[in-house]
């Protein structure tokens, strides 16, 4: 498998934007998001330029990227990397934040396929 990314909005999590991605060769150009981007690296590693420095991000690492912060990334080797991403806006609300974040963390750390997660 080369590069594959699945993006969807979860109605169960108040429209939260979710992404599951595996990249072998993809390299991001400098860009930013208008929401917080929280990613959990599941497999392999990536070089990530963020906050003026280049970092090596390994599996089981959680990265939080602030809205408007320019960043980019690329694979460190031919194995690429797999990660899960959640995009959260400042105005997104939940009646019960503990429930909201526990569901989000379950998604980020789950090995289930996107279609299995409700």
Protein backbone atom coordinates (compact mmCIF):
# COMPACT_ATOMS: atom_id res chain seq x y z
CA UNK A 1 0.00 0.00 0.00
CA UNK A 2 1.28 3.45 -0.85
CA UNK A 3 -0.60 6.55 0.28
CA UNK A 4 -4.13 6.27 1.65
CA UNK A 5 -6.18 8.71 3.70
CA UNK A 6 -9.77 8.53 4.91
CA UNK A 7 -11.45 11.70 6.22
CA UNK A 8 -14.94 11.92 7.76
CA UNK A 9 -17.12 13.82 10.22
CA UNK A 10 -18.50 11.88 13.15
CA UNK A 11 -22.15 12.61 13.95
CA UNK A 12 -21.69 10.72 17.25
CA UNK A 13 -19.00 13.23 18.27
CA UNK A 14 -20.88 16.40 17.36
CA UNK A 15 -19.47 16.59 13.82
CA UNK A 16 -15.85 16.15 14.90
CA UNK A 17 -13.52 15.83 11.89
CA UNK A 18 -11.46 12.64 11.91
CA UNK A 19 -8.77 11.25 9.64
CA UNK A 20 -6.94 7.93 9.35
CA UNK A 21 -3.89 8.01 7.11
CA UNK A 22 -0.98 5.91 5.91
CA UNK A 23 1.65 7.64 3.81
CA UNK A 24 4.68 5.91 2.33
CA UNK A 25 5.92 8.62 -0.04
CA UNK A 26 3.77 11.70 0.53
CA UNK A 27 5.48 14.91 1.65
CA UNK A 28 3.43 17.88 2.84
CA UNK A 29 4.23 21.36 1.66
CA UNK A 30 4.08 24.13 4.29
CA UNK A 31 0.46 24.62 5.33
CA UNK A 32 -1.73 25.40 8.34
CA UNK A 33 -5.14 24.43 9.71
CA UNK A 34 -7.86 26.72 11.02
CA UNK A 35 -8.50 24.24 13.87
CA UNK A 36 -6.40 22.42 16.42
CA UNK A 37 -4.94 19.32 14.75
CA UNK A 38 -4.21 16.48 17.16
CA UNK A 39 -2.42 13.52 15.66
CA UNK A 40 -1.29 10.21 17.11
CA UNK A 41 1.42 8.35 15.26
CA UNK A 42 0.55 4.66 15.12
CA UNK A 43 3.38 3.21 13.02
CA UNK A 44 6.87 4.20 11.86
CA UNK A 45 8.06 7.82 11.88
CA UNK A 46 7.92 11.22 10.21
CA UNK A 47 10.04 14.35 10.08
CA UNK A 48 7.86 17.30 11.04
CA UNK A 49 8.75 20.98 10.79
CA UNK A 50 6.83 22.83 13.48
CA UNK A 51 7.44 25.90 15.64
CA UNK A 52 10.61 26.75 13.70
CA UNK A 53 12.32 23.39 14.19
CA UNK A 54 12.44 19.99 12.54
CA UNK A 55 11.40 17.11 14.81
CA UNK A 56 11.44 13.35 14.33
CA UNK A 57 8.06 12.02 15.37
CA UNK A 58 7.96 8.31 16.28
CA UNK A 59 5.04 5.94 16.78
CA UNK A 60 2.92 6.42 19.93
CA UNK A 61 3.67 10.14 19.83
CA UNK A 62 0.85 12.66 20.17
CA UNK A 63 1.29 16.01 18.40
CA UNK A 64 -0.91 19.04 18.90
CA UNK A 65 -0.69 21.69 16.20
CA UNK A 66 -2.17 25.09 17.00
CA UNK A 67 -4.55 26.77 14.56
CA UNK A 68 -2.67 28.96 12.08
CA UNK A 69 0.73 27.40 12.83
CA UNK A 70 2.63 26.65 9.62
CA UNK A 71 4.03 23.13 9.52
CA UNK A 72 4.93 20.34 7.10
CA UNK A 73 6.13 16.75 7.22
CA UNK A 74 7.70 13.97 5.19
CA UNK A 75 8.68 10.31 5.70
CA UNK A 76 12.07 9.50 7.19
CA UNK A 77 12.39 6.28 5.17
CA UNK A 78 10.61 3.98 2.72
CA UNK A 79 8.24 2.71 5.43
CA UNK A 80 6.44 6.04 5.69
CA UNK A 81 4.09 6.54 8.64
CA UNK A 82 0.54 5.87 9.84
CA UNK A 83 -1.37 8.28 12.04
CA UNK A 84 -4.82 9.31 13.17
CA UNK A 85 -5.90 12.92 13.29
CA UNK A 86 -8.66 14.86 15.01
CA UNK A 87 -9.47 18.46 14.08
CA UNK A 88 -11.05 20.55 16.86
CA UNK A 89 -12.25 24.12 16.52
CA UNK A 90 -12.15 26.58 19.40
CA UNK A 91 -15.92 26.86 19.38
CA UNK A 92 -16.67 23.13 19.33
CA UNK A 93 -18.59 22.21 22.44
CA UNK A 94 -19.65 19.07 24.24
CA UNK A 95 -22.13 18.72 27.08
CA UNK A 96 -19.72 16.42 28.85
CA UNK A 97 -16.05 17.14 28.06
CA UNK A 98 -14.79 14.06 29.87
CA UNK A 99 -17.00 11.84 27.68
CA UNK A 100 -16.05 13.81 24.57
CA UNK A 101 -12.29 13.49 25.15
CA UNK A 102 -12.45 9.84 26.24
CA UNK A 103 -14.23 9.01 22.96
CA UNK A 104 -11.69 11.06 21.02
CA UNK A 105 -8.76 9.30 22.73
CA UNK A 106 -10.41 5.92 22.08
CA UNK A 107 -10.57 6.80 18.40
CA UNK A 108 -6.96 8.02 18.29
CA UNK A 109 -5.57 4.90 19.93
CA UNK A 110 -7.93 2.32 18.41
CA UNK A 111 -6.66 -0.10 15.80
CA UNK A 112 -10.15 -0.43 14.30
CA UNK A 113 -10.87 0.66 10.75
CA UNK A 114 -12.80 3.95 10.32
CA UNK A 115 -15.98 2.17 9.24
CA UNK A 116 -15.90 0.16 12.52
CA UNK A 117 -15.80 3.27 14.70
CA UNK A 118 -19.10 4.87 15.60
